[in-house]
Amino acid sequence: MQGLTKRQEQTLAFIRHSIEERGYPPTLREIGEHMGIKSTNGVNDHLRALERKGYLRREDMKSRALKLVEDPKNKPAPPSADDLMEVPILGRVAAGAPLLAEENVIDNVRIDRMLVRGGKDVFGLKVTGDSMIDAGIFSGDYIFVKRQATADRGEIVVALIGDEATVKYYYPERDYVRFQPANAQMAPILVRATDFKPTMLLGKVIGVFRKI
């Protein structure tokens, strides 16, 4: 086994995290998006290096054909304090109150920085309800959210509608904004375009944590 560069360690950690969380490895596109690499050739360069150094095995060039080589020497050292960030977990969001008001914070978790991007602009929120189950987000899960007042069409966001924070897909239409659940049994929430304000968007969902 040979030593890894920082970027190779990050690539390996992302692949391992995907397998542990989802049961299958990420696609080349997902690795590229996570690592900020625009071309699949650039991703393949990292994967070939991990193969050559004995940390990874690819049976063919299919995007889901990545297999970790299980060897105790493969495991990266635990993240240092500099690699960890503290994320506040909110139990609720109150209209008109500061988002990170002390009374809203029910816990703080320390996680590897590479798993979430956004630094101090990231907060966690405990999910209640089944509106996003088809997106793999279940009641009791913690979601990580990057605070921002904009989102792209089709992204999963946290929005404050009335007095309640809701997690939904975001679809701005001509006359209204549609907040679409990932549950066929539930109807979307429609907000008229004239009533919609950017402050309703608290951020976009960038990660999910589930206790087993």
N, C-alpha and C. Protein backbone atom coordinates (compact mmCIF):
# COMPACT_ATOMS: atom_id res chain seq x y z
N MET A 1 0.84 -1.19 0.00
CA MET A 1 0.00 0.00 0.00
C MET A 1 0.88 1.25 0.00
N GLN A 2 0.52 2.21 -0.83
CA GLN A 2 1.25 3.46 -0.90
C GLN A 2 0.43 4.57 -0.26
N GLY A 3 1.13 5.66 0.13
CA GLY A 3 0.45 6.79 0.74
C GLY A 3 -0.43 7.51 -0.27
N LEU A 4 -1.40 8.26 0.26
CA LEU A 4 -2.35 8.97 -0.59
C LEU A 4 -2.16 10.48 -0.45
N THR A 5 -2.46 11.19 -1.54
CA THR A 5 -2.51 12.64 -1.47
C THR A 5 -3.80 13.04 -0.75
N LYS A 6 -3.89 14.31 -0.37
CA LYS A 6 -5.09 14.79 0.31
C LYS A 6 -6.33 14.59 -0.54
N ARG A 7 -6.24 14.90 -1.84
CA ARG A 7 -7.38 14.75 -2.73
C ARG A 7 -7.78 13.29 -2.90
N GLN A 8 -6.78 12.40 -2.95
CA GLN A 8 -7.08 10.97 -3.05
C GLN A 8 -7.76 10.47 -1.78
N GLU A 9 -7.32 10.97 -0.62
CA GLU A 9 -7.97 10.60 0.64
C GLU A 9 -9.42 11.07 0.65
N GLN A 10 -9.66 12.27 0.14
CA GLN A 10 -11.02 12.80 0.10
C GLN A 10 -11.91 11.99 -0.84
N THR A 11 -11.35 11.60 -1.99
CA THR A 11 -12.10 10.77 -2.94
C THR A 11 -12.45 9.43 -2.32
N LEU A 12 -11.49 8.80 -1.67
CA LEU A 12 -11.71 7.50 -1.05
C LEU A 12 -12.75 7.62 0.07
N ALA A 13 -12.66 8.68 0.87
CA ALA A 13 -13.60 8.87 1.98
C ALA A 13 -15.02 9.07 1.45
N PHE A 14 -15.16 9.80 0.33
CA PHE A 14 -16.49 10.03 -0.24
C PHE A 14 -17.08 8.73 -0.77
N ILE A 15 -16.27 7.91 -1.42
CA ILE A 15 -16.74 6.62 -1.92
C ILE A 15 -17.18 5.74 -0.75
N ARG A 16 -16.35 5.69 0.30
CA ARG A 16 -16.68 4.87 1.47
C ARG A 16 -17.97 5.36 2.12
N HIS A 17 -18.11 6.69 2.25
CA HIS A 17 -19.31 7.26 2.87
C HIS A 17 -20.56 6.89 2.06
N SER A 18 -20.47 6.96 0.74
CA SER A 18 -21.61 6.63 -0.11
C SER A 18 -22.02 5.16 0.07
N ILE A 19 -21.03 4.28 0.11
CA ILE A 19 -21.32 2.85 0.27
C ILE A 19 -21.95 2.58 1.63
N GLU A 20 -21.43 3.24 2.68
CA GLU A 20 -21.97 3.01 4.02
C GLU A 20 -23.38 3.57 4.17
N GLU A 21 -23.62 4.74 3.56
CA GLU A 21 -24.91 5.40 3.73
C GLU A 21 -25.99 4.85 2.80
N ARG A 22 -25.60 4.56 1.53
CA ARG A 22 -26.60 4.19 0.53
C ARG A 22 -26.54 2.73 0.12
N GLY A 23 -25.42 2.07 0.42
CA GLY A 23 -25.27 0.67 0.05
C GLY A 23 -24.66 0.47 -1.31
N TYR A 24 -24.30 1.54 -1.99
CA TYR A 24 -23.66 1.43 -3.31
C TYR A 24 -22.76 2.65 -3.52
N PRO A 25 -21.76 2.52 -4.40
CA PRO A 25 -20.81 3.61 -4.60
C PRO A 25 -21.39 4.75 -5.43
N PRO A 26 -20.77 5.92 -5.39
CA PRO A 26 -21.24 7.05 -6.19
C PRO A 26 -20.88 6.89 -7.66
N THR A 27 -21.57 7.63 -8.51
CA THR A 27 -21.21 7.67 -9.92
C THR A 27 -20.01 8.60 -10.10
N LEU A 28 -19.41 8.53 -11.29
CA LEU A 28 -18.30 9.43 -11.59
C LEU A 28 -18.77 10.88 -11.49
N ARG A 29 -19.99 11.14 -11.95
CA ARG A 29 -20.53 12.51 -11.91
C ARG A 29 -20.69 12.99 -10.46
N GLU A 30 -21.18 12.10 -9.60
CA GLU A 30 -21.35 12.49 -8.19
C GLU A 30 -20.00 12.77 -7.54
N ILE A 31 -19.01 11.95 -7.85
CA ILE A 31 -17.67 12.19 -7.30
C ILE A 31 -17.15 13.53 -7.80
N GLY A 32 -17.33 13.80 -9.09
CA GLY A 32 -16.88 15.06 -9.66
C GLY A 32 -17.54 16.25 -9.02
N GLU A 33 -18.86 16.17 -8.80
CA GLU A 33 -19.58 17.28 -8.18
C GLU A 33 -19.10 17.51 -6.76
N HIS A 34 -18.89 16.41 -6.02
CA HIS A 34 -18.45 16.54 -4.63
C HIS A 34 -17.04 17.11 -4.53
N MET A 35 -16.19 16.71 -5.44
CA MET A 35 -14.79 17.12 -5.40
C MET A 35 -14.52 18.41 -6.18
N GLY A 36 -15.54 18.92 -6.88
CA GLY A 36 -15.34 20.12 -7.68
C GLY A 36 -14.53 19.86 -8.93
N ILE A 37 -14.65 18.64 -9.50
CA ILE A 37 -13.92 18.26 -10.71
C ILE A 37 -14.92 18.23 -11.86
N LYS A 38 -14.69 19.01 -12.89
CA LYS A 38 -15.67 19.16 -13.96
C LYS A 38 -15.67 18.01 -14.96
N SER A 39 -14.53 17.37 -15.18
CA SER A 39 -14.47 16.33 -16.20
C SER A 39 -14.38 14.94 -15.58
N THR A 40 -14.99 13.95 -16.27
CA THR A 40 -14.89 12.57 -15.79
C THR A 40 -13.45 12.06 -15.91
N ASN A 41 -12.68 12.62 -16.84
CA ASN A 41 -11.28 12.23 -16.96
C ASN A 41 -10.51 12.58 -15.69
N GLY A 42 -10.83 13.75 -15.13
CA GLY A 42 -10.18 14.15 -13.89
C GLY A 42 -10.53 13.21 -12.74
N VAL A 43 -11.81 12.79 -12.69
CA VAL A 43 -12.23 11.82 -11.66
C VAL A 43 -11.51 10.50 -11.87
N ASN A 44 -11.46 10.06 -13.12
CA ASN A 44 -10.79 8.79 -13.42
C ASN A 44 -9.32 8.80 -13.04
N ASP A 45 -8.67 9.96 -13.13
CA ASP A 45 -7.27 10.06 -12.72
C ASP A 45 -7.12 9.68 -11.25
N HIS A 46 -8.02 10.19 -10.41
CA HIS A 46 -7.98 9.86 -8.97
C HIS A 46 -8.29 8.38 -8.74
N LEU A 47 -9.28 7.86 -9.47
CA LEU A 47 -9.67 6.46 -9.28
C LEU A 47 -8.55 5.52 -9.73
N ARG A 48 -7.88 5.86 -10.83
CA ARG A 48 -6.77 5.04 -11.29
C ARG A 48 -5.62 5.04 -10.28
N ALA A 49 -5.39 6.20 -9.66
CA ALA A 49 -4.35 6.29 -8.64
C ALA A 49 -4.70 5.42 -7.43
N LEU A 50 -5.99 5.44 -7.03
CA LEU A 50 -6.43 4.61 -5.89
C LEU A 50 -6.34 3.13 -6.23
N GLU A 51 -6.63 2.79 -7.49
CA GLU A 51 -6.47 1.40 -7.94
C GLU A 51 -5.00 0.99 -7.89
N ARG A 52 -4.16 1.85 -8.44
CA ARG A 52 -2.74 1.54 -8.54
C ARG A 52 -2.11 1.37 -7.15
N LYS A 53 -2.62 2.13 -6.19
CA LYS A 53 -2.07 2.07 -4.83
C LYS A 53 -2.73 1.00 -3.98
N GLY A 54 -3.71 0.29 -4.56
CA GLY A 54 -4.30 -0.86 -3.87
C GLY A 54 -5.47 -0.58 -2.97
N TYR A 55 -6.08 0.62 -3.08
CA TYR A 55 -7.19 0.98 -2.21
C TYR A 55 -8.55 0.73 -2.85
N LEU A 56 -8.55 0.52 -4.15
CA LEU A 56 -9.80 0.45 -4.89
C LEU A 56 -9.67 -0.59 -5.99
N ARG A 57 -10.80 -1.22 -6.31
CA ARG A 57 -10.81 -2.18 -7.41
C ARG A 57 -12.02 -1.89 -8.29
N ARG A 58 -11.80 -1.86 -9.60
CA ARG A 58 -12.90 -1.68 -10.55
C ARG A 58 -12.93 -2.88 -11.48
N GLU A 59 -14.06 -3.59 -11.45
CA GLU A 59 -14.18 -4.79 -12.28
C GLU A 59 -14.35 -4.43 -13.75
N ASP A 60 -14.95 -3.26 -14.02
CA ASP A 60 -15.06 -2.74 -15.38
C ASP A 60 -15.21 -1.24 -15.24
N MET A 61 -15.56 -0.56 -16.34
CA MET A 61 -15.61 0.90 -16.30
C MET A 61 -17.00 1.45 -15.99
N LYS A 62 -17.92 0.57 -15.56
CA LYS A 62 -19.25 1.04 -15.19
C LYS A 62 -19.13 1.94 -13.96
N SER A 63 -20.00 2.97 -13.90
CA SER A 63 -19.88 3.95 -12.84
C SER A 63 -20.18 3.38 -11.46
N ARG A 64 -20.93 2.28 -11.38
CA ARG A 64 -21.26 1.70 -10.07
C ARG A 64 -20.38 0.49 -9.75
N ALA A 65 -19.29 0.31 -10.47
CA ALA A 65 -18.48 -0.90 -10.30
C ALA A 65 -17.26 -0.69 -9.42
N LEU A 66 -17.31 0.31 -8.52
CA LEU A 66 -16.20 0.58 -7.63
C LEU A 66 -16.31 -0.30 -6.40
N LYS A 67 -15.22 -0.92 -6.02
CA LYS A 67 -15.19 -1.75 -4.82
C LYS A 67 -13.98 -1.35 -3.98
N LEU A 68 -14.23 -1.13 -2.68
CA LEU A 68 -13.13 -0.82 -1.79
C LEU A 68 -12.36 -2.09 -1.46
N VAL A 69 -11.05 -1.98 -1.41
CA VAL A 69 -10.21 -3.10 -0.98
C VAL A 69 -10.10 -3.01 0.53
N GLU A 70 -10.71 -3.97 1.22
CA GLU A 70 -10.75 -3.91 2.67
C GLU A 70 -9.42 -4.37 3.25
N ASP A 71 -8.73 -3.46 3.84
CA ASP A 71 -7.45 -3.75 4.47
C ASP A 71 -7.28 -2.72 5.58
N PRO A 72 -6.93 -3.14 6.78
CA PRO A 72 -6.81 -2.18 7.88
C PRO A 72 -5.90 -1.02 7.54
N LYS A 73 -4.91 -1.26 6.69
CA LYS A 73 -3.98 -0.19 6.35
C LYS A 73 -4.63 0.86 5.45
N ASN A 74 -5.77 0.49 4.86
CA ASN A 74 -6.45 1.42 3.97
C ASN A 74 -7.14 2.56 4.72
N LYS A 75 -7.51 2.29 5.95
CA LYS A 75 -8.37 3.22 6.67
C LYS A 75 -7.60 4.50 6.97
N PRO A 76 -8.14 5.64 6.57
CA PRO A 76 -7.47 6.90 6.86
C PRO A 76 -7.48 7.20 8.35
N ALA A 77 -6.56 8.01 8.77
CA ALA A 77 -6.51 8.38 10.18
C ALA A 77 -7.78 9.14 10.54
N PRO A 78 -8.22 9.05 11.80
CA PRO A 78 -9.40 9.81 12.21
C PRO A 78 -9.19 11.29 11.92
N PRO A 79 -10.24 11.99 11.56
CA PRO A 79 -10.08 13.40 11.25
C PRO A 79 -9.56 14.19 12.44
N SER A 80 -8.69 15.14 12.17
CA SER A 80 -8.16 15.99 13.23
C SER A 80 -9.19 17.05 13.57
N ALA A 81 -8.91 17.79 14.64
CA ALA A 81 -9.84 18.84 15.06
C ALA A 81 -10.03 19.87 13.95
N ASP A 82 -8.97 20.11 13.17
CA ASP A 82 -9.07 21.09 12.08
C ASP A 82 -9.97 20.60 10.96
N ASP A 83 -10.16 19.27 10.85
CA ASP A 83 -10.99 18.71 9.79
C ASP A 83 -12.47 18.64 10.20
N LEU A 84 -12.76 18.93 11.47
CA LEU A 84 -14.12 18.82 11.96
C LEU A 84 -14.77 20.19 12.06
N MET A 85 -16.08 20.21 11.90
CA MET A 85 -16.83 21.44 12.09
C MET A 85 -18.05 21.13 12.95
N GLU A 86 -18.47 22.12 13.72
CA GLU A 86 -19.62 21.95 14.60
C GLU A 86 -20.85 22.53 13.92
N VAL A 87 -21.89 21.70 13.84
CA VAL A 87 -23.13 22.11 13.17
C VAL A 87 -24.26 22.14 14.21
N PRO A 88 -24.93 23.28 14.36
CA PRO A 88 -26.07 23.35 15.29
C PRO A 88 -27.28 22.61 14.71
N ILE A 89 -27.95 21.84 15.54
CA ILE A 89 -29.15 21.12 15.13
C ILE A 89 -30.37 21.84 15.71
N LEU A 90 -31.29 22.21 14.83
CA LEU A 90 -32.48 22.92 15.27
C LEU A 90 -33.65 21.96 15.45
N GLY A 91 -34.41 22.17 16.50
CA GLY A 91 -35.60 21.37 16.70
C GLY A 91 -36.80 22.00 16.04
N ARG A 92 -36.73 23.32 15.86
CA ARG A 92 -37.84 24.05 15.25
C ARG A 92 -37.30 25.33 14.65
N VAL A 93 -38.10 25.95 13.81
CA VAL A 93 -37.79 27.26 13.24
C VAL A 93 -39.00 28.15 13.49
N ALA A 94 -38.78 29.30 14.12
CA ALA A 94 -39.89 30.19 14.46
C ALA A 94 -39.91 31.39 13.53
N ALA A 95 -41.08 31.73 13.02
CA ALA A 95 -41.21 32.90 12.16
C ALA A 95 -40.87 34.15 12.94
N GLY A 96 -40.07 35.03 12.34
CA GLY A 96 -39.74 36.31 12.97
C GLY A 96 -38.61 36.23 13.96
N ALA A 97 -38.13 35.04 14.28
CA ALA A 97 -37.03 34.88 15.23
C ALA A 97 -35.74 34.55 14.49
N PRO A 98 -34.58 34.91 15.06
CA PRO A 98 -33.32 34.53 14.41
C PRO A 98 -33.26 33.03 14.20
N LEU A 99 -32.78 32.62 13.03
CA LEU A 99 -32.77 31.20 12.69
C LEU A 99 -32.05 30.37 13.74
N LEU A 100 -30.87 30.86 14.17
CA LEU A 100 -30.07 30.09 15.13
C LEU A 100 -30.24 30.60 16.55
N ALA A 101 -31.44 31.08 16.87
CA ALA A 101 -31.73 31.51 18.24
C ALA A 101 -31.48 30.35 19.20
N GLU A 102 -30.94 30.68 20.37
CA GLU A 102 -30.53 29.64 21.32
C GLU A 102 -31.65 28.67 21.65
N GLU A 103 -32.88 29.18 21.74
CA GLU A 103 -33.99 28.31 22.11
C GLU A 103 -34.35 27.32 21.01
N ASN A 104 -33.90 27.57 19.79
CA ASN A 104 -34.18 26.65 18.69
C ASN A 104 -33.18 25.51 18.60
N VAL A 105 -31.97 25.71 19.15
CA VAL A 105 -30.89 24.73 19.02
C VAL A 105 -31.05 23.64 20.07
N ILE A 106 -31.22 22.40 19.59
CA ILE A 106 -31.41 21.28 20.52
C ILE A 106 -30.15 20.45 20.69
N ASP A 107 -29.18 20.63 19.81
CA ASP A 107 -27.96 19.84 19.89
C ASP A 107 -26.91 20.44 18.96
N ASN A 108 -25.67 19.99 19.10
CA ASN A 108 -24.60 20.34 18.18
C ASN A 108 -23.87 19.05 17.82
N VAL A 109 -23.52 18.88 16.56
CA VAL A 109 -22.77 17.70 16.16
C VAL A 109 -21.49 18.14 15.48
N ARG A 110 -20.45 17.31 15.63
CA ARG A 110 -19.17 17.58 14.98
C ARG A 110 -18.99 16.57 13.87
N ILE A 111 -18.81 17.07 12.65
CA ILE A 111 -18.68 16.19 11.50
C ILE A 111 -17.50 16.61 10.64
N ASP A 112 -17.05 15.69 9.80
CA ASP A 112 -15.95 15.97 8.89
C ASP A 112 -16.37 17.06 7.91
N ARG A 113 -15.52 18.07 7.76
CA ARG A 113 -15.83 19.19 6.88
C ARG A 113 -16.11 18.77 5.45
N MET A 114 -15.43 17.69 4.99
CA MET A 114 -15.58 17.31 3.59
C MET A 114 -16.96 16.73 3.29
N LEU A 115 -17.71 16.35 4.33
CA LEU A 115 -19.03 15.77 4.10
C LEU A 115 -20.09 16.83 3.82
N VAL A 116 -19.84 18.03 4.27
CA VAL A 116 -20.77 19.13 3.99
C VAL A 116 -19.96 20.34 3.58
N ARG A 117 -20.47 21.06 2.59
CA ARG A 117 -19.80 22.27 2.14
C ARG A 117 -20.66 23.48 2.51
N GLY A 118 -20.02 24.52 2.97
CA GLY A 118 -20.76 25.71 3.36
C GLY A 118 -20.26 26.33 4.64
N GLY A 119 -19.40 25.58 5.38
CA GLY A 119 -18.78 26.12 6.59
C GLY A 119 -19.79 26.58 7.61
N LYS A 120 -19.60 27.81 8.07
CA LYS A 120 -20.46 28.33 9.14
C LYS A 120 -21.90 28.56 8.67
N ASP A 121 -22.15 28.47 7.38
CA ASP A 121 -23.49 28.68 6.85
C ASP A 121 -24.33 27.40 6.86
N VAL A 122 -23.84 26.35 7.50
CA VAL A 122 -24.57 25.08 7.54
C VAL A 122 -25.24 24.89 8.90
N PHE A 123 -26.49 24.47 8.88
CA PHE A 123 -27.17 24.11 10.11
C PHE A 123 -27.90 22.79 9.90
N GLY A 124 -28.27 22.15 10.98
CA GLY A 124 -29.01 20.90 10.91
C GLY A 124 -30.44 21.11 11.37
N LEU A 125 -31.32 20.27 10.88
CA LEU A 125 -32.73 20.37 11.27
C LEU A 125 -33.30 18.97 11.41
N LYS A 126 -34.02 18.74 12.50
CA LYS A 126 -34.64 17.43 12.70
C LYS A 126 -35.94 17.36 11.90
N VAL A 127 -36.07 16.29 11.10
CA VAL A 127 -37.21 16.14 10.20
C VAL A 127 -38.39 15.50 10.94
N THR A 128 -39.57 16.03 10.71
CA THR A 128 -40.79 15.39 11.21
C THR A 128 -41.74 15.20 10.02
N GLY A 129 -42.43 14.09 9.99
CA GLY A 129 -43.37 13.83 8.91
C GLY A 129 -42.77 13.01 7.78
N ASP A 130 -43.64 12.60 6.86
CA ASP A 130 -43.26 11.67 5.79
C ASP A 130 -43.32 12.29 4.40
N SER A 131 -43.25 13.60 4.31
CA SER A 131 -43.45 14.25 3.00
C SER A 131 -42.30 14.01 2.02
N MET A 132 -41.12 13.57 2.50
CA MET A 132 -39.98 13.40 1.60
C MET A 132 -39.44 11.96 1.61
N ILE A 133 -40.29 11.00 1.93
CA ILE A 133 -39.81 9.63 2.06
C ILE A 133 -39.30 9.05 0.74
N ASP A 134 -39.88 9.47 -0.39
CA ASP A 134 -39.43 8.94 -1.68
C ASP A 134 -38.09 9.53 -2.10
N ALA A 135 -37.63 10.54 -1.37
CA ALA A 135 -36.29 11.11 -1.60
C ALA A 135 -35.30 10.57 -0.58
N GLY A 136 -35.74 9.59 0.23
CA GLY A 136 -34.85 8.99 1.22
C GLY A 136 -34.70 9.81 2.48
N ILE A 137 -35.63 10.73 2.74
CA ILE A 137 -35.60 11.54 3.95
C ILE A 137 -36.80 11.16 4.81
N PHE A 138 -36.52 10.64 6.01
CA PHE A 138 -37.58 10.09 6.84
C PHE A 138 -37.73 10.88 8.14
N SER A 139 -38.91 10.72 8.75
CA SER A 139 -39.17 11.38 10.03
C SER A 139 -38.14 10.91 11.05
N GLY A 140 -37.55 11.86 11.76
CA GLY A 140 -36.52 11.54 12.74
C GLY A 140 -35.11 11.74 12.21
N ASP A 141 -34.96 11.85 10.88
CA ASP A 141 -33.65 12.11 10.29
C ASP A 141 -33.20 13.53 10.62
N TYR A 142 -31.88 13.73 10.55
CA TYR A 142 -31.33 15.08 10.61
C TYR A 142 -30.87 15.45 9.20
N ILE A 143 -31.28 16.62 8.73
CA ILE A 143 -30.79 17.08 7.43
C ILE A 143 -29.81 18.21 7.67
N PHE A 144 -28.79 18.29 6.81
CA PHE A 144 -27.85 19.41 6.85
C PHE A 144 -28.25 20.38 5.75
N VAL A 145 -28.32 21.64 6.10
CA VAL A 145 -28.84 22.67 5.21
C VAL A 145 -27.84 23.81 5.08
N LYS A 146 -27.56 24.21 3.85
CA LYS A 146 -26.72 25.38 3.61
C LYS A 146 -27.61 26.61 3.52
N ARG A 147 -27.37 27.56 4.42
CA ARG A 147 -28.21 28.75 4.45
C ARG A 147 -28.02 29.60 3.19
N GLN A 148 -29.12 29.85 2.48
CA GLN A 148 -29.09 30.72 1.32
C GLN A 148 -30.53 31.05 0.93
N ALA A 149 -30.70 32.18 0.29
CA ALA A 149 -32.05 32.66 -0.05
C ALA A 149 -32.39 32.36 -1.50
N THR A 150 -31.57 31.55 -2.18
CA THR A 150 -31.86 31.17 -3.55
C THR A 150 -31.66 29.66 -3.70
N ALA A 151 -32.26 29.11 -4.74
CA ALA A 151 -32.10 27.68 -5.03
C ALA A 151 -32.41 27.46 -6.50
N ASP A 152 -31.86 26.40 -7.04
CA ASP A 152 -32.16 26.04 -8.42
C ASP A 152 -33.42 25.20 -8.48
N ARG A 153 -34.10 25.26 -9.58
CA ARG A 153 -35.33 24.48 -9.79
C ARG A 153 -35.05 22.99 -9.56
N GLY A 154 -35.88 22.34 -8.75
CA GLY A 154 -35.74 20.92 -8.50
C GLY A 154 -34.86 20.56 -7.31
N GLU A 155 -34.23 21.56 -6.67
CA GLU A 155 -33.42 21.26 -5.49
C GLU A 155 -34.32 21.09 -4.27
N ILE A 156 -33.83 20.33 -3.30
CA ILE A 156 -34.56 20.15 -2.04
C ILE A 156 -34.19 21.31 -1.13
N VAL A 157 -35.21 22.00 -0.63
CA VAL A 157 -34.98 23.18 0.20
C VAL A 157 -35.73 23.07 1.52
N VAL A 158 -35.33 23.94 2.43
CA VAL A 158 -36.11 24.17 3.64
C VAL A 158 -36.73 25.56 3.49
N ALA A 159 -38.04 25.63 3.57
CA ALA A 159 -38.75 26.91 3.40
C ALA A 159 -39.62 27.17 4.61
N LEU A 160 -39.73 28.44 4.96
CA LEU A 160 -40.61 28.84 6.06
C LEU A 160 -41.90 29.36 5.46
N ILE A 161 -42.95 28.56 5.58
CA ILE A 161 -44.26 28.91 5.02
C ILE A 161 -45.22 29.09 6.18
N GLY A 162 -45.64 30.32 6.37
CA GLY A 162 -46.43 30.62 7.55
C GLY A 162 -45.55 30.51 8.78
N ASP A 163 -45.96 29.72 9.74
CA ASP A 163 -45.18 29.54 10.97
C ASP A 163 -44.45 28.20 10.99
N GLU A 164 -44.36 27.54 9.84
CA GLU A 164 -43.81 26.19 9.84
C GLU A 164 -42.72 26.03 8.80
N ALA A 165 -41.62 25.44 9.20
CA ALA A 165 -40.54 25.11 8.26
C ALA A 165 -40.90 23.79 7.58
N THR A 166 -40.72 23.75 6.29
CA THR A 166 -41.05 22.53 5.54
C THR A 166 -39.91 22.17 4.61
N VAL A 167 -39.71 20.87 4.39
CA VAL A 167 -38.68 20.36 3.49
C VAL A 167 -39.37 19.85 2.23
N LYS A 168 -39.06 20.43 1.09
CA LYS A 168 -39.73 20.07 -0.15
C LYS A 168 -38.80 20.33 -1.34
N TYR A 169 -39.18 19.76 -2.50
CA TYR A 169 -38.55 20.16 -3.76
C TYR A 169 -39.05 21.55 -4.12
N TYR A 170 -38.17 22.35 -4.72
CA TYR A 170 -38.48 23.74 -5.04
C TYR A 170 -38.69 23.90 -6.55
N TYR A 171 -39.90 24.35 -6.94
CA TYR A 171 -40.22 24.56 -8.35
C TYR A 171 -40.88 25.93 -8.54
N PRO A 172 -40.10 26.95 -8.91
CA PRO A 172 -40.72 28.24 -9.22
C PRO A 172 -41.43 28.18 -10.58
N GLU A 173 -42.71 28.53 -10.59
CA GLU A 173 -43.49 28.56 -11.82
C GLU A 173 -43.81 30.01 -12.17
N ARG A 174 -44.57 30.21 -13.22
CA ARG A 174 -44.86 31.58 -13.67
C ARG A 174 -45.69 32.36 -12.66
N ASP A 175 -46.77 31.75 -12.17
CA ASP A 175 -47.69 32.46 -11.29
C ASP A 175 -47.57 32.07 -9.83
N TYR A 176 -46.78 31.05 -9.55
CA TYR A 176 -46.67 30.59 -8.16
C TYR A 176 -45.37 29.80 -7.99
N VAL A 177 -45.02 29.56 -6.74
CA VAL A 177 -43.89 28.70 -6.41
C VAL A 177 -44.47 27.41 -5.84
N ARG A 178 -44.05 26.31 -6.43
CA ARG A 178 -44.57 25.01 -6.00
C ARG A 178 -43.55 24.30 -5.13
N PHE A 179 -43.94 23.96 -3.92
CA PHE A 179 -43.10 23.17 -3.02
C PHE A 179 -43.64 21.74 -3.06
N GLN A 180 -42.91 20.88 -3.75
CA GLN A 180 -43.40 19.54 -4.08
C GLN A 180 -42.89 18.48 -3.10
N PRO A 181 -43.78 17.74 -2.47
CA PRO A 181 -43.33 16.65 -1.59
C PRO A 181 -42.85 15.45 -2.41
N ALA A 182 -42.05 14.63 -1.79
CA ALA A 182 -41.61 13.38 -2.42
C ALA A 182 -42.42 12.25 -1.79
N ASN A 183 -43.71 12.37 -1.94
CA ASN A 183 -44.65 11.39 -1.39
C ASN A 183 -45.93 11.50 -2.23
N ALA A 184 -46.23 10.44 -2.97
CA ALA A 184 -47.36 10.46 -3.89
C ALA A 184 -48.70 10.68 -3.19
N GLN A 185 -48.73 10.46 -1.87
CA GLN A 185 -49.97 10.61 -1.13
C GLN A 185 -50.21 12.05 -0.69
N MET A 186 -49.27 12.95 -0.95
CA MET A 186 -49.37 14.32 -0.46
C MET A 186 -49.41 15.31 -1.61
N ALA A 187 -50.15 16.38 -1.43
CA ALA A 187 -50.28 17.42 -2.44
C ALA A 187 -49.19 18.47 -2.24
N PRO A 188 -48.82 19.16 -3.32
CA PRO A 188 -47.81 20.22 -3.18
C PRO A 188 -48.37 21.43 -2.45
N ILE A 189 -47.47 22.25 -1.95
CA ILE A 189 -47.84 23.53 -1.35
C ILE A 189 -47.59 24.60 -2.42
N LEU A 190 -48.60 25.39 -2.71
CA LEU A 190 -48.48 26.44 -3.73
C LEU A 190 -48.49 27.81 -3.06
N VAL A 191 -47.50 28.61 -3.40
CA VAL A 191 -47.42 29.98 -2.89
C VAL A 191 -47.47 30.91 -4.10
N ARG A 192 -48.42 31.83 -4.12
CA ARG A 192 -48.53 32.75 -5.23
C ARG A 192 -47.25 33.55 -5.40
N ALA A 193 -46.87 33.79 -6.63
CA ALA A 193 -45.62 34.50 -6.91
C ALA A 193 -45.60 35.87 -6.24
N THR A 194 -46.76 36.51 -6.17
CA THR A 194 -46.84 37.84 -5.56
C THR A 194 -46.67 37.78 -4.04
N ASP A 195 -46.92 36.61 -3.46
CA ASP A 195 -46.78 36.45 -2.00
C ASP A 195 -45.43 35.89 -1.60
N PHE A 196 -44.70 35.35 -2.58
CA PHE A 196 -43.42 34.70 -2.26
C PHE A 196 -42.34 35.74 -2.01
N LYS A 197 -41.57 35.52 -0.93
CA LYS A 197 -40.45 36.38 -0.60
C LYS A 197 -39.20 35.52 -0.45
N PRO A 198 -38.04 36.03 -0.89
CA PRO A 198 -36.80 35.25 -0.77
C PRO A 198 -36.50 34.80 0.66
N THR A 199 -36.98 35.58 1.64
CA THR A 199 -36.73 35.21 3.03
C THR A 199 -37.44 33.91 3.42
N MET A 200 -38.38 33.46 2.59
CA MET A 200 -39.04 32.19 2.88
C MET A 200 -38.09 31.01 2.70
N LEU A 201 -37.09 31.19 1.84
CA LEU A 201 -36.12 30.12 1.62
C LEU A 201 -35.04 30.21 2.68
N LEU A 202 -34.94 29.19 3.51
CA LEU A 202 -33.92 29.17 4.56
C LEU A 202 -32.62 28.56 4.06
N GLY A 203 -32.70 27.71 3.04
CA GLY A 203 -31.50 27.09 2.51
C GLY A 203 -31.82 25.83 1.73
N LYS A 204 -30.77 25.23 1.15
CA LYS A 204 -30.96 23.99 0.41
C LYS A 204 -30.33 22.83 1.17
N VAL A 205 -30.93 21.67 1.04
CA VAL A 205 -30.48 20.48 1.75
C VAL A 205 -29.24 19.91 1.04
N ILE A 206 -28.17 19.69 1.81
CA ILE A 206 -26.93 19.17 1.24
C ILE A 206 -26.51 17.84 1.85
N GLY A 207 -27.26 17.35 2.83
CA GLY A 207 -26.90 16.06 3.43
C GLY A 207 -27.97 15.56 4.37
N VAL A 208 -27.94 14.26 4.64
CA VAL A 208 -28.90 13.63 5.55
C VAL A 208 -28.13 12.74 6.52
N PHE A 209 -28.50 12.79 7.79
CA PHE A 209 -27.90 11.93 8.80
C PHE A 209 -29.00 11.13 9.48
N ARG A 210 -28.78 9.84 9.61
CA ARG A 210 -29.78 8.98 10.22
C ARG A 210 -29.13 8.11 11.30
N LYS A 211 -29.69 8.11 12.48
CA LYS A 211 -29.21 7.23 13.55
C LYS A 211 -29.79 5.85 13.35
N ILE A 212 -28.96 4.83 13.49
CA ILE A 212 -29.41 3.44 13.30
C ILE A 212 -29.47 2.74 14.64
